[in-house]
Amino acid sequence: MFCYDRGLRITPLDLAVDICRRQPRGFISHAHSDHMAAHELAIGTPLTAALYRRRYGDKLVRELPFEQPWQWDEFSLSTHPAGHIAGSAMLHVAASDQSLLYTGDFRLRESMTAETPRCPHADILVMECTFGQPHYKFPPRELASEQLIDIVSQTLRRQEVPVIHAYVTGKAQEVTAILAHAGLPVKVHPLVAEVNAITAAHGIKIGNYGVATSLTEGFVYIAPPRSQKAMPLLGPVAKRTIAVTGWAIDPTWRTRQRYDYAVVLSDHADYDELLECVDRVAPRQVYCTHGPMSFVADLRERGIDAHPLNPRDRVLAT
């Protein structure tokens, strides 16, 4: 049903899945740049389609709303919420004799802006496993949100400016919603405002915020990550930088990346959620991608027929 060709491909349909180079037909699980390309025909959820067009212009997109099957030849294709970012989807492909579920990037715990994730049964599971090591166990979402709100509130009380660096698509909407719903005065970078508006137009409640091109006291700002080429928010004010990422579970990460604060707020599944996904799907075989190959070995130790998606990868001995 599938092969690896510098990415996943549904062989009978010649359908590329999250391959970031131009294809005749490409499924896009979510609107992050490392999962998209300007395909001749793109397939994705309505919100992902809107964000895709923001990046690539008026391209041909087959919109596939959640859990509304599309019959393509002898195959039934359906999308299911992945919980990664708003609009993100798992892809379920079913034939008469077998089925496959591709998770894309996913998260099982609830969030304020991503749809509630659902993991339908499939014979074959192809799963992302970014945080596929046992020490990646994230705190409850509520605690991470409370920590972020507390850091921002204390910084504002000191008359300093909190600046949160977050991915423009996905993480920035989640952070905006957390802070806005807590009643904090939020301003966002213009690029974040663009994505906020598209996301809100698809029914996601972002909350109240302003748009800023420079920093002034009395507000918390949400800006793109330092690695992203974007107009910086500058101003003659004392500021404190805050990161929001699962990698911050490593106590040395914050100082190495030169942030004043770091909150363990991830839009990916942690180790326990990865195992829970396998349990929910109950597949015959599992193929792992975008993560440590030691996770494949961990699944095998649990009696699961697991493999790396890329055949050039090797499973680490345990």
C-alpha atoms as a PDB file:
ATOM      1  CA  MET A   1       0.000   0.000   0.000  1.00  0.00           C
ATOM      2  CA  PHE A   2       2.897   2.398   0.625  1.00  0.00           C
ATOM      3  CA  CYS A   3       6.591   2.927  -0.041  1.00  0.00           C
ATOM      4  CA  TYR A   4       9.350   5.241   1.156  1.00  0.00           C
ATOM      5  CA  ASP A   5      10.560   7.707  -1.481  1.00  0.00           C
ATOM      6  CA  ARG A   6      12.326  10.430   0.522  1.00  0.00           C
ATOM      7  CA  GLY A   7       9.021  10.482   2.354  1.00  0.00           C
ATOM      8  CA  LEU A   8       5.831   8.460   2.513  1.00  0.00           C
ATOM      9  CA  ARG A   9       3.950   7.659  -0.680  1.00  0.00           C
ATOM     10  CA  ILE A  10       0.613   5.825  -1.012  1.00  0.00           C
ATOM     11  CA  THR A  11       1.690   3.672  -3.925  1.00  0.00           C
ATOM     12  CA  PRO A  12      -1.587   2.755  -5.717  1.00  0.00           C
ATOM     13  CA  LEU A  13      -2.702   6.409  -5.743  1.00  0.00           C
ATOM     14  CA  ASP A  14       0.759   7.883  -6.326  1.00  0.00           C
ATOM     15  CA  LEU A  15      -0.080  10.189  -3.431  1.00  0.00           C
ATOM     16  CA  ALA A  16       2.806  11.931  -1.685  1.00  0.00           C
ATOM     17  CA  VAL A  17       2.240  12.439   2.037  1.00  0.00           C
ATOM     18  CA  ASP A  18       3.913  15.432   3.712  1.00  0.00           C
ATOM     19  CA  ILE A  19       6.671  15.451   1.099  1.00  0.00           C
ATOM     20  CA  CYS A  20       8.117  18.974   0.895  1.00  0.00           C
ATOM     21  CA  ARG A  21       9.017  18.957  -2.787  1.00  0.00           C
ATOM     22  CA  ARG A  22       6.571  19.582  -5.632  1.00  0.00           C
ATOM     23  CA  GLN A  23       4.425  16.548  -6.530  1.00  0.00           C
ATOM     24  CA  PRO A  24       1.500  15.864  -8.880  1.00  0.00           C
ATOM     25  CA  ARG A  25      -0.622  15.030  -5.800  1.00  0.00           C
ATOM     26  CA  GLY A  26       0.320  15.716  -2.195  1.00  0.00           C
ATOM     27  CA  PHE A  27      -1.491  15.301   1.109  1.00  0.00           C
ATOM     28  CA  ILE A  28      -0.587  18.020   3.632  1.00  0.00           C
ATOM     29  CA  SER A  29      -1.170  17.049   7.254  1.00  0.00           C
ATOM     30  CA  HIS A  30      -0.700  20.593   8.560  1.00  0.00           C
ATOM     31  CA  ALA A  31       0.536  23.994   7.458  1.00  0.00           C
ATOM     32  CA  HIS A  32       4.169  23.965   8.602  1.00  0.00           C
ATOM     33  CA  SER A  33       6.680  24.637   5.859  1.00  0.00           C
ATOM     34  CA  ASP A  34       8.578  21.373   6.342  1.00  0.00           C
ATOM     35  CA  HIS A  35       5.400  19.442   5.454  1.00  0.00           C
ATOM     36  CA  MET A  36       4.311  21.444   2.376  1.00  0.00           C
ATOM     37  CA  ALA A  37       5.250  22.177  -1.213  1.00  0.00           C
ATOM     38  CA  ALA A  38       3.520  23.850  -4.152  1.00  0.00           C
ATOM     39  CA  HIS A  39       1.937  20.624  -5.433  1.00  0.00           C
ATOM     40  CA  GLU A  40      -0.093  20.465  -8.644  1.00  0.00           C
ATOM     41  CA  LEU A  41      -2.942  19.192  -6.463  1.00  0.00           C
ATOM     42  CA  ALA A  42      -2.822  19.537  -2.686  1.00  0.00           C
ATOM     43  CA  ILE A  43      -5.139  17.704  -0.294  1.00  0.00           C
ATOM     44  CA  GLY A  44      -5.830  18.858   3.266  1.00  0.00           C
ATOM     45  CA  THR A  45      -8.420  20.058   5.734  1.00  0.00           C
ATOM     46  CA  PRO A  46     -10.179  23.377   5.015  1.00  0.00           C
ATOM     47  CA  LEU A  47      -8.066  25.314   7.540  1.00  0.00           C
ATOM     48  CA  THR A  48      -4.839  23.759   6.278  1.00  0.00           C
ATOM     49  CA  ALA A  49      -5.945  24.621   2.738  1.00  0.00           C
ATOM     50  CA  ALA A  50      -6.452  28.276   3.740  1.00  0.00           C
ATOM     51  CA  LEU A  51      -3.017  28.458   5.368  1.00  0.00           C
ATOM     52  CA  TYR A  52      -1.482  26.659   2.364  1.00  0.00           C
ATOM     53  CA  ARG A  53      -2.942  29.282   0.015  1.00  0.00           C
ATOM     54  CA  ARG A  54      -1.568  32.040   2.264  1.00  0.00           C
ATOM     55  CA  ARG A  55       1.900  30.675   1.528  1.00  0.00           C
ATOM     56  CA  TYR A  56       1.599  29.539  -2.094  1.00  0.00           C
ATOM     57  CA  GLY A  57      -1.196  31.622  -3.553  1.00  0.00           C
ATOM     58  CA  ASP A  58      -4.354  30.416  -5.278  1.00  0.00           C
ATOM     59  CA  LYS A  59      -3.335  26.781  -5.763  1.00  0.00           C
ATOM     60  CA  LEU A  60      -5.617  23.840  -6.530  1.00  0.00           C
ATOM     61  CA  VAL A  61      -6.597  22.193  -3.238  1.00  0.00           C
ATOM     62  CA  ARG A  62      -8.993  19.306  -2.577  1.00  0.00           C
ATOM     63  CA  GLU A  63     -10.431  20.118   0.837  1.00  0.00           C
ATOM     64  CA  LEU A  64     -11.082  17.074   2.995  1.00  0.00           C
ATOM     65  CA  PRO A  65     -13.016  17.980   6.172  1.00  0.00           C
ATOM     66  CA  PHE A  66     -12.554  15.821   9.245  1.00  0.00           C
ATOM     67  CA  GLU A  67     -14.197  12.385   9.109  1.00  0.00           C
ATOM     68  CA  GLN A  68     -15.920  12.899   5.760  1.00  0.00           C
ATOM     69  CA  PRO A  69     -14.624   9.978   3.642  1.00  0.00           C
ATOM     70  CA  TRP A  70     -13.581  10.554   0.052  1.00  0.00           C
ATOM     71  CA  GLN A  71     -13.771   7.561  -2.297  1.00  0.00           C
ATOM     72  CA  TRP A  72     -10.777   7.511  -4.632  1.00  0.00           C
ATOM     73  CA  ASP A  73     -10.859   4.482  -6.919  1.00  0.00           C
ATOM     74  CA  GLU A  74     -11.082   1.488  -4.545  1.00  0.00           C
ATOM     75  CA  PHE A  75      -9.699   3.474  -1.597  1.00  0.00           C
ATOM     76  CA  SER A  76     -11.498   5.506   1.051  1.00  0.00           C
ATOM     77  CA  LEU A  77      -9.555   8.497   2.388  1.00  0.00           C
ATOM     78  CA  SER A  78     -10.499  10.397   5.526  1.00  0.00           C
ATOM     79  CA  THR A  79      -8.891  12.955   7.821  1.00  0.00           C
ATOM     80  CA  HIS A  80      -9.010  12.863  11.620  1.00  0.00           C
ATOM     81  CA  PRO A  81      -7.884  15.591  14.068  1.00  0.00           C
ATOM     82  CA  ALA A  82      -4.213  15.224  15.003  1.00  0.00           C
ATOM     83  CA  GLY A  83      -4.198  17.739  17.878  1.00  0.00           C
ATOM     84  CA  HIS A  84      -0.868  19.196  16.703  1.00  0.00           C
ATOM     85  CA  ILE A  85      -2.086  22.619  15.576  1.00  0.00           C
ATOM     86  CA  ALA A  86      -5.455  23.905  14.398  1.00  0.00           C
ATOM     87  CA  GLY A  87      -6.460  22.092  11.224  1.00  0.00           C
ATOM     88  CA  SER A  88      -3.809  19.378  11.549  1.00  0.00           C
ATOM     89  CA  ALA A  89      -4.949  15.952  10.429  1.00  0.00           C
ATOM     90  CA  MET A  90      -4.119  12.292  10.478  1.00  0.00           C
ATOM     91  CA  LEU A  91      -4.782  10.531   7.157  1.00  0.00           C
ATOM     92  CA  HIS A  92      -6.654   7.215   7.120  1.00  0.00           C
ATOM     93  CA  VAL A  93      -6.483   5.188   3.914  1.00  0.00           C
ATOM     94  CA  ALA A  94      -8.710   2.112   3.685  1.00  0.00           C
ATOM     95  CA  ALA A  95      -8.918  -0.578   1.021  1.00  0.00           C
ATOM     96  CA  SER A  96     -11.020  -3.742   1.094  1.00  0.00           C
ATOM     97  CA  ASP A  97      -8.220  -5.838   2.603  1.00  0.00           C
ATOM     98  CA  GLN A  98      -6.175  -3.421   4.748  1.00  0.00           C
ATOM     99  CA  SER A  99      -5.974   0.091   6.160  1.00  0.00           C
ATOM    100  CA  LEU A 100      -3.250   2.592   7.009  1.00  0.00           C
ATOM    101  CA  LEU A 101      -3.175   5.543   9.412  1.00  0.00           C
ATOM    102  CA  TYR A 102      -0.560   8.273   8.993  1.00  0.00           C
ATOM    103  CA  THR A 103      -0.404  10.487  12.078  1.00  0.00           C
ATOM    104  CA  GLY A 104       1.744  13.350  10.851  1.00  0.00           C
ATOM    105  CA  ASP A 105       2.840  15.489  13.789  1.00  0.00           C
ATOM    106  CA  PHE A 106       0.312  14.916  16.557  1.00  0.00           C
ATOM    107  CA  ARG A 107      -0.501  15.429  20.216  1.00  0.00           C
ATOM    108  CA  LEU A 108      -3.119  13.584  22.281  1.00  0.00           C
ATOM    109  CA  ARG A 109      -3.539  16.016  25.170  1.00  0.00           C
ATOM    110  CA  GLU A 110      -6.123  18.761  24.859  1.00  0.00           C
ATOM    111  CA  SER A 111      -5.233  22.304  23.821  1.00  0.00           C
ATOM    112  CA  MET A 112      -7.095  25.591  23.431  1.00  0.00           C
ATOM    113  CA  THR A 113      -6.744  25.886  19.654  1.00  0.00           C
ATOM    114  CA  ALA A 114      -6.223  22.430  18.110  1.00  0.00           C
ATOM    115  CA  GLU A 115      -9.165  20.117  17.522  1.00  0.00           C
ATOM    116  CA  THR A 116      -9.606  17.150  19.876  1.00  0.00           C
ATOM    117  CA  PRO A 117      -7.407  14.352  18.493  1.00  0.00           C
ATOM    118  CA  ARG A 118      -8.865  11.037  17.365  1.00  0.00           C
ATOM    119  CA  CYS A 119      -6.915   7.898  16.400  1.00  0.00           C
ATOM    120  CA  PRO A 120      -8.993   5.440  14.369  1.00  0.00           C
ATOM    121  CA  HIS A 121      -8.002   1.794  14.108  1.00  0.00           C
ATOM    122  CA  ALA A 122      -5.733   0.777  11.223  1.00  0.00           C
ATOM    123  CA  ASP A 123      -3.755  -2.308  10.244  1.00  0.00           C
ATOM    124  CA  ILE A 124      -0.646  -0.221   9.539  1.00  0.00           C
ATOM    125  CA  LEU A 125       0.359   2.797  11.616  1.00  0.00           C
ATOM    126  CA  VAL A 126       2.906   5.294  10.289  1.00  0.00           C
ATOM    127  CA  MET A 127       3.661   7.605  13.189  1.00  0.00           C
ATOM    128  CA  GLU A 128       5.754  10.624  14.027  1.00  0.00           C
ATOM    129  CA  CYS A 129       7.875  10.026  17.140  1.00  0.00           C
ATOM    130  CA  THR A 130       9.819  13.269  17.701  1.00  0.00           C
ATOM    131  CA  PHE A 131       9.935  12.858  21.486  1.00  0.00           C
ATOM    132  CA  GLY A 132      10.382   9.092  21.404  1.00  0.00           C
ATOM    133  CA  GLN A 133      12.641   8.764  24.439  1.00  0.00           C
ATOM    134  CA  PRO A 134      11.386   7.974  27.958  1.00  0.00           C
ATOM    135  CA  HIS A 135      12.708  11.153  29.594  1.00  0.00           C
ATOM    136  CA  TYR A 136      10.388  13.263  27.417  1.00  0.00           C
ATOM    137  CA  LYS A 137       7.377  13.273  29.722  1.00  0.00           C
ATOM    138  CA  PHE A 138       5.664  16.645  29.711  1.00  0.00           C
ATOM    139  CA  PRO A 139       3.776  18.244  32.602  1.00  0.00           C
ATOM    140  CA  PRO A 140      -0.026  18.538  32.374  1.00  0.00           C
ATOM    141  CA  ARG A 141      -1.162  21.202  29.943  1.00  0.00           C
ATOM    142  CA  GLU A 142      -2.847  23.191  32.710  1.00  0.00           C
ATOM    143  CA  LEU A 143       0.389  23.454  34.707  1.00  0.00           C
ATOM    144  CA  ALA A 144       2.372  24.644  31.696  1.00  0.00           C
ATOM    145  CA  SER A 145      -0.266  27.271  30.941  1.00  0.00           C
ATOM    146  CA  GLU A 146      -0.279  28.440  34.561  1.00  0.00           C
ATOM    147  CA  GLN A 147       3.505  28.707  34.535  1.00  0.00           C
ATOM    148  CA  LEU A 148       3.429  30.807  31.362  1.00  0.00           C
ATOM    149  CA  ILE A 149       0.742  33.111  32.763  1.00  0.00           C
ATOM    150  CA  ASP A 150       2.683  33.496  36.019  1.00  0.00           C
ATOM    151  CA  ILE A 151       5.961  34.378  34.243  1.00  0.00           C
ATOM    152  CA  VAL A 152       4.201  36.943  32.059  1.00  0.00           C
ATOM    153  CA  SER A 153       2.290  38.472  34.991  1.00  0.00           C
ATOM    154  CA  GLN A 154       5.402  38.812  37.150  1.00  0.00           C
ATOM    155  CA  THR A 155       7.368  40.344  34.273  1.00  0.00           C
ATOM    156  CA  LEU A 156       4.642  42.924  33.662  1.00  0.00           C
ATOM    157  CA  ARG A 157       4.533  43.786  37.370  1.00  0.00           C
ATOM    158  CA  ARG A 158       8.274  44.520  37.224  1.00  0.00           C
ATOM    159  CA  GLN A 159       7.489  46.946  34.364  1.00  0.00           C
ATOM    160  CA  GLU A 160       9.480  44.809  31.960  1.00  0.00           C
ATOM    161  CA  VAL A 161       8.200  43.578  28.588  1.00  0.00           C
ATOM    162  CA  PRO A 162       7.677  39.819  28.154  1.00  0.00           C
ATOM    163  CA  VAL A 163       8.382  38.642  24.594  1.00  0.00           C
ATOM    164  CA  ILE A 164       7.307  35.089  23.776  1.00  0.00           C
ATOM    165  CA  HIS A 165       8.958  33.507  20.743  1.00  0.00           C
ATOM    166  CA  ALA A 166       6.598  31.021  19.100  1.00  0.00           C
ATOM    167  CA  TYR A 167       6.107  29.494  15.663  1.00  0.00           C
ATOM    168  CA  VAL A 168       3.870  31.802  13.641  1.00  0.00           C
ATOM    169  CA  THR A 169       1.561  28.942  12.650  1.00  0.00           C
ATOM    170  CA  GLY A 170       0.280  26.820  15.516  1.00  0.00           C
ATOM    171  CA  LYS A 171       2.181  27.644  18.678  1.00  0.00           C
ATOM    172  CA  ALA A 172       1.531  31.392  18.386  1.00  0.00           C
ATOM    173  CA  GLN A 173      -2.246  30.828  18.215  1.00  0.00           C
ATOM    174  CA  GLU A 174      -2.131  28.583  21.281  1.00  0.00           C
ATOM    175  CA  VAL A 175      -0.099  31.118  23.266  1.00  0.00           C
ATOM    176  CA  THR A 176      -2.353  33.977  22.156  1.00  0.00           C
ATOM    177  CA  ALA A 177      -5.408  32.059  23.346  1.00  0.00           C
ATOM    178  CA  ILE A 178      -3.849  31.081  26.697  1.00  0.00           C
ATOM    179  CA  LEU A 179      -2.875  34.646  27.546  1.00  0.00           C
ATOM    180  CA  ALA A 180      -5.926  36.385  26.094  1.00  0.00           C
ATOM    181  CA  HIS A 181      -8.332  34.113  27.938  1.00  0.00           C
ATOM    182  CA  ALA A 182      -6.362  34.829  31.144  1.00  0.00           C
ATOM    183  CA  GLY A 183      -7.166  38.524  30.651  1.00  0.00           C
ATOM    184  CA  LEU A 184      -3.597  39.621  29.916  1.00  0.00           C
ATOM    185  CA  PRO A 185      -2.893  42.510  27.483  1.00  0.00           C
ATOM    186  CA  VAL A 186      -1.588  40.753  24.367  1.00  0.00           C
ATOM    187  CA  LYS A 187      -0.017  42.144  21.216  1.00  0.00           C
ATOM    188  CA  VAL A 188       1.265  40.018  18.361  1.00  0.00           C
ATOM    189  CA  HIS A 189       3.665  40.379  15.457  1.00  0.00           C
ATOM    190  CA  PRO A 190       1.913  41.171  12.131  1.00  0.00           C
ATOM    191  CA  LEU A 191       2.788  37.706  10.769  1.00  0.00           C
ATOM    192  CA  VAL A 192       1.154  36.103  13.800  1.00  0.00           C
ATOM    193  CA  ALA A 193      -1.883  38.347  13.320  1.00  0.00           C
ATOM    194  CA  GLU A 194      -2.313  37.065   9.746  1.00  0.00           C
ATOM    195  CA  VAL A 195      -2.442  33.437  10.862  1.00  0.00           C
ATOM    196  CA  ASN A 196      -4.587  34.289  13.900  1.00  0.00           C
ATOM    197  CA  ALA A 197      -7.183  35.856  11.601  1.00  0.00           C
ATOM    198  CA  ILE A 198      -7.306  32.850   9.248  1.00  0.00           C
ATOM    199  CA  THR A 199      -7.543  30.455  12.175  1.00  0.00           C
ATOM    200  CA  ALA A 200     -10.323  32.461  13.849  1.00  0.00           C
ATOM    201  CA  ALA A 201     -12.242  32.576  10.551  1.00  0.00           C
ATOM    202  CA  HIS A 202     -12.417  28.762  10.751  1.00  0.00           C
ATOM    203  CA  GLY A 203     -14.072  28.803  14.146  1.00  0.00           C
ATOM    204  CA  ILE A 204     -11.070  28.649  16.496  1.00  0.00           C
ATOM    205  CA  LYS A 205     -11.466  31.029  19.448  1.00  0.00           C
ATOM    206  CA  ILE A 206      -8.235  33.010  19.754  1.00  0.00           C
ATOM    207  CA  GLY A 207      -9.370  35.798  22.089  1.00  0.00           C
ATOM    208  CA  ASN A 208      -8.571  39.510  22.144  1.00  0.00           C
ATOM    209  CA  TYR A 209      -5.197  40.879  21.042  1.00  0.00           C
ATOM    210  CA  GLY A 210      -3.613  43.841  19.345  1.00  0.00           C
ATOM    211  CA  VAL A 211      -1.061  44.015  16.532  1.00  0.00           C
ATOM    212  CA  ALA A 212       2.368  45.569  17.088  1.00  0.00           C
ATOM    213  CA  THR A 213       5.443  46.506  15.104  1.00  0.00           C
ATOM    214  CA  SER A 214       7.432  47.701  18.128  1.00  0.00           C
ATOM    215  CA  LEU A 215       7.650  47.092  21.880  1.00  0.00           C
ATOM    216  CA  THR A 216       6.160  49.303  24.576  1.00  0.00           C
ATOM    217  CA  GLU A 217       5.590  48.705  28.266  1.00  0.00           C
ATOM    218  CA  GLY A 218       2.364  47.197  29.587  1.00  0.00           C
ATOM    219  CA  PHE A 219       1.872  44.417  27.036  1.00  0.00           C
ATOM    220  CA  VAL A 220       3.023  40.867  26.447  1.00  0.00           C
ATOM    221  CA  TYR A 221       4.252  40.305  22.903  1.00  0.00           C
ATOM    222  CA  ILE A 222       4.152  37.180  20.752  1.00  0.00           C
ATOM    223  CA  ALA A 223       6.844  37.152  18.093  1.00  0.00           C
ATOM    224  CA  PRO A 224       8.281  34.639  15.606  1.00  0.00           C
ATOM    225  CA  PRO A 225      11.188  32.457  16.721  1.00  0.00           C
ATOM    226  CA  ARG A 226      14.655  33.900  16.323  1.00  0.00           C
ATOM    227  CA  SER A 227      15.404  31.409  13.545  1.00  0.00           C
ATOM    228  CA  GLN A 228      12.602  32.785  11.378  1.00  0.00           C
ATOM    229  CA  LYS A 229      13.418  35.696   9.134  1.00  0.00           C
ATOM    230  CA  ALA A 230      10.909  38.311  10.183  1.00  0.00           C
ATOM    231  CA  MET A 231      10.800  41.963  11.133  1.00  0.00           C
ATOM    232  CA  PRO A 232      11.979  42.118  14.761  1.00  0.00           C
ATOM    233  CA  LEU A 233       9.932  43.844  17.443  1.00  0.00           C
ATOM    234  CA  LEU A 234      12.227  46.477  18.929  1.00  0.00           C
ATOM    235  CA  GLY A 235      11.847  49.258  21.435  1.00  0.00           C
ATOM    236  CA  PRO A 236      13.727  51.164  24.173  1.00  0.00           C
ATOM    237  CA  VAL A 237      12.332  48.967  26.938  1.00  0.00           C
ATOM    238  CA  ALA A 238      13.634  46.275  29.275  1.00  0.00           C
ATOM    239  CA  LYS A 239      12.415  42.948  27.924  1.00  0.00           C
ATOM    240  CA  ARG A 240      12.497  39.300  28.989  1.00  0.00           C
ATOM    241  CA  THR A 241      12.435  36.512  26.408  1.00  0.00           C
ATOM    242  CA  ILE A 242      10.343  33.383  26.854  1.00  0.00           C
ATOM    243  CA  ALA A 243      10.468  30.133  24.874  1.00  0.00           C
ATOM    244  CA  VAL A 244       7.607  27.614  24.703  1.00  0.00           C
ATOM    245  CA  THR A 245       8.752  24.156  23.598  1.00  0.00           C
ATOM    246  CA  GLY A 246       8.940  20.520  24.580  1.00  0.00           C
ATOM    247  CA  TRP A 247      12.715  20.660  24.290  1.00  0.00           C
ATOM    248  CA  ALA A 248      12.744  22.792  27.440  1.00  0.00           C
ATOM    249  CA  ILE A 249      12.287  19.589  29.459  1.00  0.00           C
ATOM    250  CA  ASP A 250      16.095  19.523  29.252  1.00  0.00           C
ATOM    251  CA  PRO A 251      17.174  21.897  32.071  1.00  0.00           C
ATOM    252  CA  THR A 252      20.192  23.104  30.064  1.00  0.00           C
ATOM    253  CA  TRP A 253      18.198  23.981  26.929  1.00  0.00           C
ATOM    254  CA  ARG A 254      17.131  27.455  28.068  1.00  0.00           C
ATOM    255  CA  THR A 255      20.652  28.696  28.801  1.00  0.00           C
ATOM    256  CA  ARG A 256      22.097  27.135  25.669  1.00  0.00           C
ATOM    257  CA  GLN A 257      19.456  28.910  23.562  1.00  0.00           C
ATOM    258  CA  ARG A 258      19.846  32.157  25.566  1.00  0.00           C
ATOM    259  CA  TYR A 259      16.287  32.640  26.767  1.00  0.00           C
ATOM    260  CA  ASP A 260      15.383  34.216  30.088  1.00  0.00           C
ATOM    261  CA  TYR A 261      12.590  31.678  30.636  1.00  0.00           C
ATOM    262  CA  ALA A 262      11.427  28.464  29.003  1.00  0.00           C
ATOM    263  CA  VAL A 263       8.079  26.723  29.462  1.00  0.00           C
ATOM    264  CA  VAL A 264       7.528  23.066  28.544  1.00  0.00           C
ATOM    265  CA  LEU A 265       4.587  23.664  26.213  1.00  0.00           C
ATOM    266  CA  SER A 266       4.723  21.343  23.224  1.00  0.00           C
ATOM    267  CA  ASP A 267       2.487  20.722  20.238  1.00  0.00           C
ATOM    268  CA  HIS A 268       3.931  17.209  19.855  1.00  0.00           C
ATOM    269  CA  ALA A 269       3.140  14.020  21.725  1.00  0.00           C
ATOM    270  CA  ASP A 270       5.468  13.095  24.565  1.00  0.00           C
ATOM    271  CA  TYR A 271       6.762   9.554  25.104  1.00  0.00           C
ATOM    272  CA  ASP A 272       3.681   8.334  26.975  1.00  0.00           C
ATOM    273  CA  GLU A 273       1.355   9.791  24.341  1.00  0.00           C
ATOM    274  CA  LEU A 274       3.278   7.996  21.595  1.00  0.00           C
ATOM    275  CA  LEU A 275       2.684   4.688  23.363  1.00  0.00           C
ATOM    276  CA  GLU A 276      -0.965   5.601  23.931  1.00  0.00           C
ATOM    277  CA  CYS A 277      -1.391   6.295  20.210  1.00  0.00           C
ATOM    278  CA  VAL A 278      -0.174   2.800  19.379  1.00  0.00           C
ATOM    279  CA  ASP A 279      -2.616   1.362  21.920  1.00  0.00           C
ATOM    280  CA  ARG A 280      -5.536   3.336  20.481  1.00  0.00           C
ATOM    281  CA  VAL A 281      -4.845   2.408  16.862  1.00  0.00           C
ATOM    282  CA  ALA A 282      -4.068  -1.262  17.682  1.00  0.00           C
ATOM    283  CA  PRO A 283      -2.187  -1.888  14.421  1.00  0.00           C
ATOM    284  CA  ARG A 284      -0.519  -5.049  13.122  1.00  0.00           C
ATOM    285  CA  GLN A 285       2.579  -3.077  12.123  1.00  0.00           C
ATOM    286  CA  VAL A 286       4.076   0.269  13.101  1.00  0.00           C
ATOM    287  CA  TYR A 287       6.477   2.411  11.060  1.00  0.00           C
ATOM    288  CA  CYS A 288       8.221   5.293  12.849  1.00  0.00           C
ATOM    289  CA  THR A 289       9.514   8.545  11.401  1.00  0.00           C
ATOM    290  CA  HIS A 290      10.940  11.901  12.540  1.00  0.00           C
ATOM    291  CA  GLY A 291      12.297  10.597  15.818  1.00  0.00           C
ATOM    292  CA  PRO A 292      14.916   8.417  17.512  1.00  0.00           C
ATOM    293  CA  MET A 293      15.192   4.877  16.243  1.00  0.00           C
ATOM    294  CA  SER A 294      15.458   3.752  19.854  1.00  0.00           C
ATOM    295  CA  PHE A 295      11.671   4.182  19.950  1.00  0.00           C
ATOM    296  CA  VAL A 296      11.364   1.383  17.382  1.00  0.00           C
ATOM    297  CA  ALA A 297      13.396  -0.838  19.706  1.00  0.00           C
ATOM    298  CA  ASP A 298      11.161   0.146  22.637  1.00  0.00           C
ATOM    299  CA  LEU A 299       8.060  -0.898  20.682  1.00  0.00           C
ATOM    300  CA  ARG A 300       9.661  -4.200  19.716  1.00  0.00           C
ATOM    301  CA  GLU A 301      10.409  -4.905  23.367  1.00  0.00           C
ATOM    302  CA  ARG A 302       6.677  -4.489  23.970  1.00  0.00           C
ATOM    303  CA  GLY A 303       5.936  -7.159  21.369  1.00  0.00           C
ATOM    304  CA  ILE A 304       4.945  -4.743  18.595  1.00  0.00           C
ATOM    305  CA  ASP A 305       6.036  -5.348  15.007  1.00  0.00           C
ATOM    306  CA  ALA A 306       7.786  -1.984  14.580  1.00  0.00           C
ATOM    307  CA  HIS A 307      10.140  -0.644  11.895  1.00  0.00           C
ATOM    308  CA  PRO A 308      11.769   2.638  10.838  1.00  0.00           C
ATOM    309  CA  LEU A 309       9.952   4.188   7.876  1.00  0.00           C
ATOM    310  CA  ASN A 310      13.245   5.024   6.200  1.00  0.00           C
ATOM    311  CA  PRO A 311      14.938   1.677   5.486  1.00  0.00           C
ATOM    312  CA  ARG A 312      18.354   3.348   5.718  1.00  0.00           C
ATOM    313  CA  ASP A 313      17.773   4.043   9.414  1.00  0.00           C
ATOM    314  CA  ARG A 314      18.961   1.465  11.891  1.00  0.00           C
ATOM    315  CA  VAL A 315      17.294   0.422  15.110  1.00  0.00           C
ATOM    316  CA  LEU A 316      19.527   1.026  18.109  1.00  0.00           C
ATOM    317  CA  ALA A 317      20.329  -1.986  20.263  1.00  0.00           C
ATOM    318  CA  THR A 318      18.947  -1.829  23.787  1.00  0.00           C
END
